C-alpha atoms as a PDB file:
ATOM      1  CA  MET A   1      93.707  10.928 101.127  1.00  0.00           C
ATOM      2  CA  ALA A   2      95.118  12.081 104.403  1.00  0.00           C
ATOM      3  CA  GLY A   3      98.864  12.027 104.745  1.00  0.00           C
ATOM      4  CA  ILE A   4      99.630  12.641 101.094  1.00  0.00           C
ATOM      5  CA  VAL A   5     101.880  15.636 100.613  1.00  0.00           C
ATOM      6  CA  PRO A   6     101.761  17.310  97.215  1.00  0.00           C
ATOM      7  CA  PRO A   7     105.107  17.762  95.461  1.00  0.00           C
ATOM      8  CA  ARG A   8     106.911  21.005  96.137  1.00  0.00           C
ATOM      9  CA  PRO A   9     106.945  23.343  93.141  1.00  0.00           C
ATOM     10  CA  ALA A  10     110.300  23.916  91.485  1.00  0.00           C
ATOM     11  CA  GLN A  11     112.254  26.883  92.809  1.00  0.00           C
ATOM     12  CA  THR A  12     112.364  29.964  90.658  1.00  0.00           C
ATOM     13  CA  ALA A  13     115.670  31.513  89.620  1.00  0.00           C
ATOM     14  CA  GLN A  14     115.069  34.292  92.167  1.00  0.00           C
ATOM     15  CA  GLU A  15     114.482  31.791  94.974  1.00  0.00           C
ATOM     16  CA  LYS A  16     117.664  29.932  94.062  1.00  0.00           C
ATOM     17  CA  ALA A  17     119.617  33.211  94.047  1.00  0.00           C
ATOM     18  CA  ASN A  18     118.193  34.165  97.460  1.00  0.00           C
ATOM     19  CA  ILE A  19     119.123  30.789  98.953  1.00  0.00           C
ATOM     20  CA  LYS A  20     122.630  31.088  97.535  1.00  0.00           C
ATOM     21  CA  LEU A  21     123.040  34.562  99.055  1.00  0.00           C
ATOM     22  CA  VAL A  22     121.764  33.505 102.492  1.00  0.00           C
ATOM     23  CA  ASN A  23     124.043  30.457 102.526  1.00  0.00           C
ATOM     24  CA  ALA A  24     127.060  32.583 101.550  1.00  0.00           C
ATOM     25  CA  PHE A  25     126.201  35.165 104.221  1.00  0.00           C
ATOM     26  CA  CYS A  26     125.996  32.435 106.873  1.00  0.00           C
ATOM     27  CA  GLN A  27     129.289  30.897 105.747  1.00  0.00           C
ATOM     28  CA  ASN A  28     130.980  34.299 106.044  1.00  0.00           C
ATOM     29  CA  TRP A  29     129.440  35.176 109.404  1.00  0.00           C
ATOM     30  CA  ASN A  30     132.759  35.004 111.276  1.00  0.00           C
ATOM     31  CA  ASP A  31     134.373  37.353 108.748  1.00  0.00           C
ATOM     32  CA  PRO A  32     132.365  40.581 109.169  1.00  0.00           C
ATOM     33  CA  ASP A  33     134.299  42.395 106.452  1.00  0.00           C
ATOM     34  CA  GLN A  34     133.228  39.741 103.941  1.00  0.00           C
ATOM     35  CA  ALA A  35     129.681  39.299 105.256  1.00  0.00           C
ATOM     36  CA  VAL A  36     128.959  43.025 105.032  1.00  0.00           C
ATOM     37  CA  THR A  37     129.716  43.038 101.301  1.00  0.00           C
ATOM     38  CA  MET A  38     126.476  41.089 100.859  1.00  0.00           C
ATOM     39  CA  LEU A  39     124.299  43.771 102.455  1.00  0.00           C
ATOM     40  CA  ALA A  40     122.570  46.344 100.286  1.00  0.00           C
ATOM     41  CA  GLY A  41     123.031  49.994 101.208  1.00  0.00           C
ATOM     42  CA  ASP A  42     119.468  50.210 102.499  1.00  0.00           C
ATOM     43  CA  SER A  43     119.384  46.774 104.120  1.00  0.00           C
ATOM     44  CA  SER A  44     118.063  46.437 107.617  1.00  0.00           C
ATOM     45  CA  VAL A  45     119.425  43.963 110.174  1.00  0.00           C
ATOM     46  CA  ARG A  46     118.111  43.102 113.615  1.00  0.00           C
ATOM     47  CA  MET A  47     119.897  40.253 115.337  1.00  0.00           C
ATOM     48  CA  SER A  48     117.361  39.886 118.123  1.00  0.00           C
ATOM     49  CA  GLN A  49     113.873  41.212 118.746  1.00  0.00           C
ATOM     50  CA  ASP A  50     115.072  43.487 121.516  1.00  0.00           C
ATOM     51  CA  TRP A  51     118.090  44.876 119.629  1.00  0.00           C
ATOM     52  CA  PRO A  52     117.688  48.089 117.657  1.00  0.00           C
ATOM     53  CA  ARG A  53     117.480  47.826 113.886  1.00  0.00           C
ATOM     54  CA  ILE A  54     120.570  48.941 112.015  1.00  0.00           C
ATOM     55  CA  THR A  55     120.562  50.079 108.411  1.00  0.00           C
ATOM     56  CA  GLY A  56     123.259  49.579 105.815  1.00  0.00           C
ATOM     57  CA  PRO A  57     126.665  47.936 105.802  1.00  0.00           C
ATOM     58  CA  ALA A  58     128.454  50.811 107.528  1.00  0.00           C
ATOM     59  CA  GLU A  59     126.376  50.375 110.685  1.00  0.00           C
ATOM     60  CA  ALA A  60     126.315  46.575 110.544  1.00  0.00           C
ATOM     61  CA  VAL A  61     130.035  45.908 110.858  1.00  0.00           C
ATOM     62  CA  PRO A  62     130.997  47.962 113.898  1.00  0.00           C
ATOM     63  CA  THR A  63     127.843  47.320 115.900  1.00  0.00           C
ATOM     64  CA  THR A  64     126.341  43.971 115.105  1.00  0.00           C
ATOM     65  CA  LEU A  65     128.554  41.689 113.122  1.00  0.00           C
ATOM     66  CA  ARG A  66     131.759  42.377 115.046  1.00  0.00           C
ATOM     67  CA  ALA A  67     129.958  42.071 118.382  1.00  0.00           C
ATOM     68  CA  SER A  68     128.599  38.643 117.557  1.00  0.00           C
ATOM     69  CA  ALA A  69     131.520  37.156 115.594  1.00  0.00           C
END
């Protein structure tokens, strides 16, 4: 039965919450002060493979988010 794709399993509550958070973060990308409120204190962000990793909201706003907004 080639070509038959099985149905996708229903999303869990955690998956739905993660999707909601990612969508909100993307919508707020051009407002770094709002976007940073969605980062955990120990979160790690790397905008490109050759950029250094930054940790936490305090580092994210001045270095990464403001530079790319």
